[in-house]
Amino acid sequence: MDEEEVIDEESKKGDEDSDSQTTEEVIELDPLEEAIKRAEAAEKEISYRDAEIQNVRKRLMSEKAIAIQYGGMGMARKMLGVLADIDRSLAVNADEGLTLIRSKMWAELSGDGVEKIETKGEKFDPTKMEAITTLPPSEDFPANCVIDELEAGYTYKDRVLTPARVVVASDQ
């Protein structure tokens, strides 16, 4: 080989060495960059999980508050059945003792948030009332107006415990 060829070969080898050094540097940087990317991904995942945990906590607190607020609803519904029985008994035979018991029971129920649904002469509200039958409208009771209450309805705070069963004025 002549001198030029030897120099060319050495320069080519030198170029190859510099390429291998660059590749080694990239390989050395890759684990660091990869670790940084994984750390960033882990931080994102942690923040998403943290937000999810906060949302679950808020939802559970809301559900707990609702359960506490409406926890007495079942007992109120049962006691309204007893109250209806007392009312039927009083309709047959007026008894002073039953009247006192009824007054005391109603005071306790209303103190806990039970209210009677006002119906007679009011506009029919299907969310609070159940139409048992209909009659033609008159001057006193226009269409879609409650004519008579067959059975009282009650709400507990803002929820319907039992719908009022009513007779409604209707054209149909």
N, C-alpha and C. Protein backbone atom coordinates (compact mmCIF):
# COMPACT_ATOMS: atom_id res chain seq x y z
N MET A 1 0.83 -1.17 0.00
CA MET A 1 0.00 0.00 0.00
C MET A 1 0.87 1.23 0.00
N ASP A 2 0.42 2.17 -0.69
CA ASP A 2 1.19 3.39 -0.68
C ASP A 2 0.72 4.29 0.46
N GLU A 3 1.38 5.37 0.67
CA GLU A 3 1.13 6.22 1.83
C GLU A 3 -0.27 6.80 1.85
N GLU A 4 -0.77 7.18 0.70
CA GLU A 4 -2.11 7.75 0.65
C GLU A 4 -3.16 6.76 1.12
N GLU A 5 -3.02 5.53 0.68
CA GLU A 5 -3.98 4.52 1.07
C GLU A 5 -3.93 4.27 2.57
N VAL A 6 -2.73 4.26 3.14
CA VAL A 6 -2.58 4.05 4.57
C VAL A 6 -3.23 5.20 5.33
N ILE A 7 -3.05 6.40 4.86
CA ILE A 7 -3.64 7.57 5.52
C ILE A 7 -5.15 7.50 5.40
N ASP A 8 -5.66 7.14 4.21
CA ASP A 8 -7.11 7.02 4.03
C ASP A 8 -7.69 5.96 4.96
N GLU A 9 -7.01 4.84 5.06
CA GLU A 9 -7.51 3.78 5.93
C GLU A 9 -7.49 4.23 7.39
N GLU A 10 -6.46 4.92 7.79
CA GLU A 10 -6.38 5.39 9.17
C GLU A 10 -7.45 6.45 9.45
N SER A 11 -7.68 7.30 8.45
CA SER A 11 -8.71 8.30 8.66
C SER A 11 -10.09 7.65 8.72
N LYS A 12 -10.27 6.60 7.91
CA LYS A 12 -11.53 5.88 7.98
C LYS A 12 -11.69 5.21 9.34
N LYS A 13 -10.59 4.61 9.84
CA LYS A 13 -10.65 4.00 11.17
C LYS A 13 -10.93 5.06 12.22
N GLY A 14 -10.33 6.21 12.05
CA GLY A 14 -10.57 7.30 12.98
C GLY A 14 -12.02 7.72 12.95
N ASP A 15 -12.61 7.76 11.75
CA ASP A 15 -14.03 8.11 11.61
C ASP A 15 -14.89 7.06 12.29
N GLU A 16 -14.54 5.80 12.11
CA GLU A 16 -15.31 4.73 12.74
C GLU A 16 -15.22 4.83 14.25
N ASP A 17 -14.03 5.15 14.76
CA ASP A 17 -13.86 5.29 16.21
C ASP A 17 -14.72 6.44 16.75
N SER A 18 -14.77 7.55 16.02
CA SER A 18 -15.58 8.68 16.48
C SER A 18 -17.06 8.33 16.43
N ASP A 19 -17.48 7.54 15.41
CA ASP A 19 -18.87 7.09 15.35
C ASP A 19 -19.19 6.19 16.53
N SER A 20 -18.29 5.30 16.88
CA SER A 20 -18.54 4.40 18.01
C SER A 20 -18.57 5.18 19.31
N GLN A 21 -17.75 6.23 19.41
CA GLN A 21 -17.79 7.05 20.62
C GLN A 21 -19.14 7.78 20.72
N THR A 22 -19.63 8.29 19.62
CA THR A 22 -20.92 8.98 19.60
C THR A 22 -22.02 8.00 19.98
N THR A 23 -21.97 6.80 19.44
CA THR A 23 -22.97 5.79 19.76
C THR A 23 -22.90 5.44 21.24
N GLU A 24 -21.69 5.32 21.78
CA GLU A 24 -21.54 5.02 23.21
C GLU A 24 -22.12 6.15 24.05
N GLU A 25 -21.89 7.40 23.63
CA GLU A 25 -22.43 8.54 24.37
C GLU A 25 -23.96 8.51 24.34
N VAL A 26 -24.55 8.19 23.20
CA VAL A 26 -26.00 8.12 23.08
C VAL A 26 -26.52 7.00 23.97
N ILE A 27 -25.82 5.89 23.97
CA ILE A 27 -26.22 4.77 24.81
C ILE A 27 -26.11 5.17 26.28
N GLU A 28 -25.11 5.91 26.63
CA GLU A 28 -24.96 6.37 28.01
C GLU A 28 -26.07 7.36 28.38
N LEU A 29 -26.52 8.20 27.45
CA LEU A 29 -27.57 9.16 27.73
C LEU A 29 -28.96 8.50 27.75
N ASP A 30 -29.15 7.48 26.98
CA ASP A 30 -30.45 6.83 26.90
C ASP A 30 -30.97 6.36 28.26
N PRO A 31 -30.19 5.71 29.09
CA PRO A 31 -30.73 5.29 30.40
C PRO A 31 -31.17 6.48 31.25
N LEU A 32 -30.43 7.57 31.18
CA LEU A 32 -30.80 8.75 31.94
C LEU A 32 -32.11 9.34 31.42
N GLU A 33 -32.19 9.50 30.10
CA GLU A 33 -33.41 10.04 29.51
C GLU A 33 -34.59 9.10 29.78
N GLU A 34 -34.32 7.83 29.67
CA GLU A 34 -35.39 6.86 29.94
C GLU A 34 -35.84 6.93 31.39
N ALA A 35 -34.91 7.08 32.31
CA ALA A 35 -35.24 7.20 33.73
C ALA A 35 -36.05 8.48 33.98
N ILE A 36 -35.66 9.55 33.30
CA ILE A 36 -36.40 10.81 33.46
C ILE A 36 -37.81 10.66 32.93
N LYS A 37 -37.96 10.03 31.76
CA LYS A 37 -39.30 9.81 31.19
C LYS A 37 -40.14 8.93 32.09
N ARG A 38 -39.55 7.89 32.64
CA ARG A 38 -40.29 7.01 33.54
C ARG A 38 -40.69 7.76 34.81
N ALA A 39 -39.80 8.60 35.31
CA ALA A 39 -40.12 9.37 36.51
C ALA A 39 -41.27 10.34 36.24
N GLU A 40 -41.24 11.00 35.07
CA GLU A 40 -42.33 11.91 34.71
C GLU A 40 -43.64 11.15 34.57
N ALA A 41 -43.59 9.97 33.94
CA ALA A 41 -44.80 9.16 33.79
C ALA A 41 -45.31 8.72 35.15
N ALA A 42 -44.40 8.37 36.05
CA ALA A 42 -44.80 7.96 37.40
C ALA A 42 -45.43 9.13 38.15
N GLU A 43 -44.85 10.33 37.99
CA GLU A 43 -45.44 11.51 38.64
C GLU A 43 -46.85 11.76 38.13
N LYS A 44 -47.05 11.64 36.81
CA LYS A 44 -48.39 11.82 36.25
C LYS A 44 -49.35 10.79 36.82
N GLU A 45 -48.92 9.54 36.85
CA GLU A 45 -49.76 8.46 37.36
C GLU A 45 -50.12 8.71 38.83
N ILE A 46 -49.15 9.16 39.60
CA ILE A 46 -49.40 9.45 41.02
C ILE A 46 -50.40 10.59 41.16
N SER A 47 -50.25 11.62 40.34
CA SER A 47 -51.19 12.75 40.44
C SER A 47 -52.59 12.33 40.02
N TYR A 48 -52.71 11.48 38.98
CA TYR A 48 -54.03 10.96 38.58
C TYR A 48 -54.64 10.12 39.69
N ARG A 49 -53.83 9.27 40.30
CA ARG A 49 -54.33 8.41 41.39
C ARG A 49 -54.75 9.27 42.58
N ASP A 50 -53.97 10.29 42.87
CA ASP A 50 -54.30 11.18 43.98
C ASP A 50 -55.63 11.89 43.72
N ALA A 51 -55.82 12.36 42.49
CA ALA A 51 -57.08 13.01 42.14
C ALA A 51 -58.24 12.03 42.24
N GLU A 52 -58.01 10.80 41.81
CA GLU A 52 -59.05 9.77 41.90
C GLU A 52 -59.41 9.48 43.35
N ILE A 53 -58.43 9.41 44.21
CA ILE A 53 -58.67 9.17 45.63
C ILE A 53 -59.47 10.33 46.23
N GLN A 54 -59.13 11.56 45.86
CA GLN A 54 -59.86 12.72 46.36
C GLN A 54 -61.32 12.68 45.89
N ASN A 55 -61.54 12.30 44.63
CA ASN A 55 -62.92 12.21 44.12
C ASN A 55 -63.71 11.13 44.85
N VAL A 56 -63.08 9.99 45.13
CA VAL A 56 -63.76 8.93 45.86
C VAL A 56 -64.10 9.40 47.27
N ARG A 57 -63.17 10.10 47.91
CA ARG A 57 -63.43 10.62 49.26
C ARG A 57 -64.62 11.58 49.26
N LYS A 58 -64.65 12.50 48.28
CA LYS A 58 -65.75 13.46 48.20
C LYS A 58 -67.08 12.75 47.99
N ARG A 59 -67.08 11.75 47.08
CA ARG A 59 -68.32 11.02 46.81
C ARG A 59 -68.78 10.27 48.05
N LEU A 60 -67.86 9.63 48.75
CA LEU A 60 -68.22 8.90 49.96
C LEU A 60 -68.74 9.83 51.05
N MET A 61 -68.14 10.99 51.19
CA MET A 61 -68.61 11.96 52.18
C MET A 61 -70.02 12.44 51.82
N SER A 62 -70.26 12.66 50.53
CA SER A 62 -71.59 13.07 50.09
C SER A 62 -72.61 11.97 50.36
N GLU A 63 -72.26 10.73 50.03
CA GLU A 63 -73.17 9.61 50.28
C GLU A 63 -73.43 9.42 51.77
N LYS A 64 -72.40 9.63 52.58
CA LYS A 64 -72.55 9.50 54.03
C LYS A 64 -73.49 10.58 54.57
N ALA A 65 -73.33 11.81 54.06
CA ALA A 65 -74.20 12.91 54.50
C ALA A 65 -75.66 12.63 54.13
N ILE A 66 -75.88 12.09 52.93
CA ILE A 66 -77.24 11.75 52.50
C ILE A 66 -77.81 10.64 53.36
N ALA A 67 -76.97 9.63 53.65
CA ALA A 67 -77.44 8.52 54.49
C ALA A 67 -77.82 9.01 55.89
N ILE A 68 -77.04 9.92 56.43
CA ILE A 68 -77.36 10.48 57.75
C ILE A 68 -78.63 11.32 57.68
N GLN A 69 -78.75 12.14 56.62
CA GLN A 69 -79.91 13.03 56.49
C GLN A 69 -81.20 12.24 56.35
N TYR A 70 -81.17 11.17 55.56
CA TYR A 70 -82.40 10.42 55.29
C TYR A 70 -82.44 9.07 56.00
N GLY A 71 -81.64 8.90 57.02
CA GLY A 71 -81.58 7.64 57.75
C GLY A 71 -82.87 7.28 58.46
N GLY A 72 -83.64 8.25 58.88
CA GLY A 72 -84.89 7.99 59.61
C GLY A 72 -86.09 7.76 58.71
N MET A 73 -85.87 7.73 57.40
CA MET A 73 -86.97 7.61 56.46
C MET A 73 -87.74 6.30 56.63
N GLY A 74 -87.05 5.19 56.81
CA GLY A 74 -87.70 3.89 56.96
C GLY A 74 -88.58 3.84 58.20
N MET A 75 -88.06 4.34 59.30
CA MET A 75 -88.84 4.35 60.55
C MET A 75 -90.04 5.28 60.43
N ALA A 76 -89.85 6.42 59.78
CA ALA A 76 -90.97 7.35 59.60
C ALA A 76 -92.07 6.70 58.77
N ARG A 77 -91.69 5.96 57.73
CA ARG A 77 -92.68 5.28 56.89
C ARG A 77 -93.48 4.26 57.71
N LYS A 78 -92.80 3.52 58.57
CA LYS A 78 -93.47 2.52 59.42
C LYS A 78 -94.42 3.21 60.41
N MET A 79 -93.96 4.30 61.01
CA MET A 79 -94.79 5.01 61.98
C MET A 79 -96.01 5.67 61.33
N LEU A 80 -95.89 6.06 60.07
CA LEU A 80 -97.04 6.63 59.37
C LEU A 80 -98.12 5.56 59.17
N GLY A 81 -97.71 4.31 59.00
CA GLY A 81 -98.68 3.21 58.94
C GLY A 81 -99.44 3.07 60.24
N VAL A 82 -98.72 3.17 61.35
CA VAL A 82 -99.35 3.10 62.67
C VAL A 82 -100.27 4.31 62.85
N LEU A 83 -99.83 5.48 62.43
CA LEU A 83 -100.64 6.70 62.53
C LEU A 83 -101.93 6.55 61.72
N ALA A 84 -101.86 5.95 60.55
CA ALA A 84 -103.06 5.73 59.73
C ALA A 84 -104.02 4.78 60.44
N ASP A 85 -103.48 3.75 61.10
CA ASP A 85 -104.34 2.83 61.86
C ASP A 85 -105.04 3.55 63.01
N ILE A 86 -104.32 4.43 63.69
CA ILE A 86 -104.93 5.21 64.78
C ILE A 86 -106.02 6.12 64.22
N ASP A 87 -105.77 6.75 63.07
CA ASP A 87 -106.79 7.61 62.45
C ASP A 87 -108.05 6.81 62.09
N ARG A 88 -107.88 5.60 61.57
CA ARG A 88 -109.04 4.76 61.24
C ARG A 88 -109.81 4.37 62.50
N SER A 89 -109.07 4.08 63.56
CA SER A 89 -109.71 3.73 64.83
C SER A 89 -110.49 4.92 65.39
N LEU A 90 -109.90 6.10 65.29
CA LEU A 90 -110.57 7.31 65.79
C LEU A 90 -111.80 7.65 64.95
N ALA A 91 -111.80 7.29 63.67
CA ALA A 91 -112.95 7.55 62.81
C ALA A 91 -114.14 6.71 63.24
N VAL A 92 -113.88 5.52 63.77
CA VAL A 92 -114.95 4.63 64.22
C VAL A 92 -115.42 5.00 65.63
N ASN A 93 -114.45 5.25 66.51
CA ASN A 93 -114.78 5.50 67.90
C ASN A 93 -113.82 6.55 68.45
N ALA A 94 -114.32 7.71 68.81
CA ALA A 94 -113.48 8.76 69.37
C ALA A 94 -113.04 8.36 70.78
N ASP A 95 -111.75 8.27 70.94
CA ASP A 95 -111.18 7.86 72.23
C ASP A 95 -110.14 8.90 72.62
N GLU A 96 -110.27 9.42 73.84
CA GLU A 96 -109.37 10.47 74.30
C GLU A 96 -107.92 10.00 74.36
N GLY A 97 -107.71 8.78 74.80
CA GLY A 97 -106.35 8.23 74.89
C GLY A 97 -105.71 8.10 73.52
N LEU A 98 -106.46 7.59 72.56
CA LEU A 98 -105.93 7.47 71.19
C LEU A 98 -105.64 8.82 70.57
N THR A 99 -106.48 9.79 70.89
CA THR A 99 -106.27 11.15 70.37
C THR A 99 -104.95 11.71 70.90
N LEU A 100 -104.69 11.49 72.19
CA LEU A 100 -103.42 11.96 72.77
C LEU A 100 -102.22 11.24 72.15
N ILE A 101 -102.35 9.94 71.96
CA ILE A 101 -101.25 9.17 71.34
C ILE A 101 -101.00 9.67 69.92
N ARG A 102 -102.09 9.91 69.18
CA ARG A 102 -101.95 10.39 67.81
C ARG A 102 -101.26 11.75 67.79
N SER A 103 -101.65 12.64 68.68
CA SER A 103 -101.05 13.98 68.74
C SER A 103 -99.56 13.89 69.05
N LYS A 104 -99.22 13.05 70.01
CA LYS A 104 -97.81 12.88 70.40
C LYS A 104 -97.01 12.29 69.24
N MET A 105 -97.56 11.26 68.58
CA MET A 105 -96.85 10.62 67.48
C MET A 105 -96.65 11.61 66.33
N TRP A 106 -97.69 12.39 65.99
CA TRP A 106 -97.55 13.35 64.92
C TRP A 106 -96.53 14.44 65.27
N ALA A 107 -96.50 14.86 66.53
CA ALA A 107 -95.52 15.87 66.95
C ALA A 107 -94.10 15.34 66.76
N GLU A 108 -93.86 14.09 67.11
CA GLU A 108 -92.53 13.50 66.95
C GLU A 108 -92.16 13.36 65.47
N LEU A 109 -93.10 12.88 64.67
CA LEU A 109 -92.83 12.71 63.24
C LEU A 109 -92.57 14.05 62.55
N SER A 110 -93.40 15.03 62.84
CA SER A 110 -93.21 16.34 62.19
C SER A 110 -91.94 17.01 62.69
N GLY A 111 -91.57 16.76 63.94
CA GLY A 111 -90.31 17.30 64.46
C GLY A 111 -89.09 16.69 63.77
N ASP A 112 -89.25 15.48 63.25
CA ASP A 112 -88.15 14.80 62.55
C ASP A 112 -88.12 15.13 61.07
N GLY A 113 -89.11 15.88 60.57
CA GLY A 113 -89.08 16.30 59.16
C GLY A 113 -90.20 15.75 58.31
N VAL A 114 -91.18 15.07 58.91
CA VAL A 114 -92.31 14.54 58.14
C VAL A 114 -93.35 15.64 57.99
N GLU A 115 -93.84 15.82 56.75
CA GLU A 115 -94.88 16.82 56.48
C GLU A 115 -95.98 16.18 55.65
N LYS A 116 -97.21 16.63 55.90
CA LYS A 116 -98.35 16.15 55.12
C LYS A 116 -98.38 16.89 53.79
N ILE A 117 -98.68 16.17 52.72
CA ILE A 117 -98.80 16.79 51.39
C ILE A 117 -100.19 17.39 51.27
N GLU A 118 -100.24 18.69 51.02
CA GLU A 118 -101.53 19.38 50.85
C GLU A 118 -102.05 19.08 49.45
N THR A 119 -103.30 18.64 49.36
CA THR A 119 -103.82 18.20 48.07
C THR A 119 -105.13 18.86 47.66
N LYS A 120 -106.09 18.90 48.53
CA LYS A 120 -107.45 19.32 48.16
C LYS A 120 -107.47 20.74 47.59
N GLY A 121 -108.00 20.86 46.36
CA GLY A 121 -108.07 22.16 45.70
C GLY A 121 -106.78 22.56 45.01
N GLU A 122 -105.70 21.79 45.20
CA GLU A 122 -104.40 22.10 44.59
C GLU A 122 -104.33 21.51 43.18
N LYS A 123 -103.36 21.97 42.41
CA LYS A 123 -103.11 21.41 41.09
C LYS A 123 -102.50 20.01 41.27
N PHE A 124 -102.90 19.07 40.43
CA PHE A 124 -102.39 17.70 40.53
C PHE A 124 -100.90 17.67 40.23
N ASP A 125 -100.12 17.07 41.14
CA ASP A 125 -98.67 16.94 40.99
C ASP A 125 -98.32 15.45 41.01
N PRO A 126 -98.02 14.87 39.85
CA PRO A 126 -97.76 13.43 39.79
C PRO A 126 -96.53 12.97 40.57
N THR A 127 -95.64 13.89 40.94
CA THR A 127 -94.48 13.50 41.73
C THR A 127 -94.82 13.28 43.20
N LYS A 128 -95.96 13.84 43.63
CA LYS A 128 -96.36 13.72 45.03
C LYS A 128 -97.71 13.05 45.22
N MET A 129 -98.45 12.89 44.12
CA MET A 129 -99.81 12.38 44.21
C MET A 129 -100.03 11.23 43.23
N GLU A 130 -100.98 10.39 43.60
CA GLU A 130 -101.38 9.28 42.74
C GLU A 130 -102.88 9.43 42.48
N ALA A 131 -103.23 9.55 41.19
CA ALA A 131 -104.64 9.72 40.84
C ALA A 131 -105.32 8.35 40.85
N ILE A 132 -106.25 8.16 41.77
CA ILE A 132 -106.97 6.90 41.88
C ILE A 132 -108.12 6.88 40.87
N THR A 133 -108.80 8.00 40.72
CA THR A 133 -109.90 8.10 39.76
C THR A 133 -110.01 9.54 39.30
N THR A 134 -110.79 9.74 38.24
CA THR A 134 -111.01 11.10 37.74
C THR A 134 -112.51 11.37 37.64
N LEU A 135 -112.85 12.62 37.73
CA LEU A 135 -114.23 13.08 37.58
C LEU A 135 -114.21 14.25 36.61
N PRO A 136 -115.34 14.54 35.97
CA PRO A 136 -115.37 15.68 35.05
C PRO A 136 -115.14 16.99 35.81
N PRO A 137 -114.50 17.96 35.16
CA PRO A 137 -114.26 19.26 35.82
C PRO A 137 -115.58 20.02 36.06
N SER A 138 -115.54 20.90 37.04
CA SER A 138 -116.70 21.73 37.37
C SER A 138 -116.23 23.17 37.59
N GLU A 139 -117.14 24.04 38.00
CA GLU A 139 -116.75 25.43 38.27
C GLU A 139 -115.83 25.52 39.48
N ASP A 140 -116.09 24.67 40.47
CA ASP A 140 -115.25 24.69 41.67
C ASP A 140 -113.90 24.01 41.45
N PHE A 141 -113.88 22.99 40.61
CA PHE A 141 -112.67 22.22 40.37
C PHE A 141 -112.37 22.15 38.87
N PRO A 142 -111.51 23.04 38.35
CA PRO A 142 -111.16 23.01 36.93
C PRO A 142 -110.32 21.76 36.60
N ALA A 143 -110.07 21.54 35.34
CA ALA A 143 -109.29 20.38 34.90
C ALA A 143 -107.91 20.38 35.57
N ASN A 144 -107.45 19.19 35.89
CA ASN A 144 -106.14 18.96 36.51
C ASN A 144 -106.06 19.48 37.94
N CYS A 145 -107.18 19.55 38.61
CA CYS A 145 -107.26 20.01 40.00
C CYS A 145 -107.71 18.84 40.87
N VAL A 146 -107.19 18.77 42.09
CA VAL A 146 -107.55 17.69 43.01
C VAL A 146 -108.92 18.00 43.63
N ILE A 147 -109.85 17.05 43.46
CA ILE A 147 -111.20 17.20 44.00
C ILE A 147 -111.27 16.70 45.44
N ASP A 148 -110.70 15.52 45.68
CA ASP A 148 -110.79 14.91 47.01
C ASP A 148 -109.53 14.10 47.29
N GLU A 149 -109.23 13.96 48.58
CA GLU A 149 -108.10 13.15 49.02
C GLU A 149 -108.64 11.86 49.63
N LEU A 150 -108.26 10.73 49.04
CA LEU A 150 -108.71 9.44 49.57
C LEU A 150 -107.77 8.94 50.66
N GLU A 151 -106.49 9.20 50.47
CA GLU A 151 -105.50 8.78 51.46
C GLU A 151 -104.40 9.84 51.50
N ALA A 152 -104.04 10.25 52.71
CA ALA A 152 -103.03 11.31 52.89
C ALA A 152 -101.65 10.84 52.41
N GLY A 153 -100.90 11.80 51.92
CA GLY A 153 -99.51 11.54 51.51
C GLY A 153 -98.57 12.35 52.38
N TYR A 154 -97.33 11.87 52.48
CA TYR A 154 -96.35 12.53 53.36
C TYR A 154 -95.00 12.62 52.69
N THR A 155 -94.25 13.66 53.08
CA THR A 155 -92.86 13.80 52.64
C THR A 155 -91.96 13.73 53.86
N TYR A 156 -90.75 13.28 53.65
CA TYR A 156 -89.72 13.28 54.69
C TYR A 156 -88.63 14.21 54.21
N LYS A 157 -88.50 15.34 54.86
CA LYS A 157 -87.63 16.42 54.43
C LYS A 157 -88.05 16.80 53.01
N ASP A 158 -87.30 16.50 51.96
CA ASP A 158 -87.76 16.88 50.62
C ASP A 158 -88.10 15.67 49.75
N ARG A 159 -88.18 14.49 50.34
CA ARG A 159 -88.50 13.27 49.59
C ARG A 159 -89.89 12.75 49.93
N VAL A 160 -90.55 12.19 48.94
CA VAL A 160 -91.90 11.65 49.15
C VAL A 160 -91.80 10.31 49.86
N LEU A 161 -92.46 10.23 51.02
CA LEU A 161 -92.54 8.95 51.75
C LEU A 161 -93.64 8.08 51.17
N THR A 162 -94.84 8.65 51.15
CA THR A 162 -95.98 7.97 50.55
C THR A 162 -96.75 9.00 49.73
N PRO A 163 -97.10 8.68 48.50
CA PRO A 163 -97.85 9.65 47.70
C PRO A 163 -99.29 9.76 48.19
N ALA A 164 -99.87 10.92 48.02
CA ALA A 164 -101.28 11.11 48.37
C ALA A 164 -102.13 10.46 47.28
N ARG A 165 -103.16 9.74 47.68
CA ARG A 165 -104.06 9.11 46.71
C ARG A 165 -105.29 10.02 46.60
N VAL A 166 -105.52 10.51 45.37
CA VAL A 166 -106.50 11.56 45.19
C VAL A 166 -107.45 11.31 44.02
N VAL A 167 -108.55 12.08 44.00
CA VAL A 167 -109.50 12.12 42.88
C VAL A 167 -109.20 13.43 42.14
N VAL A 168 -109.04 13.32 40.83
CA VAL A 168 -108.63 14.48 40.03
C VAL A 168 -109.70 14.84 39.01
N ALA A 169 -109.91 16.13 38.78
CA ALA A 169 -110.81 16.60 37.73
C ALA A 169 -110.07 16.50 36.40
N SER A 170 -110.71 15.81 35.45
CA SER A 170 -110.05 15.61 34.15
C SER A 170 -111.09 15.52 33.04
N ASP A 171 -110.74 16.00 31.86
CA ASP A 171 -111.64 15.94 30.70
C ASP A 171 -111.70 14.54 30.11
N GLN A 172 -110.73 13.73 30.38
CA GLN A 172 -110.65 12.41 29.75
C GLN A 172 -111.16 11.32 30.63
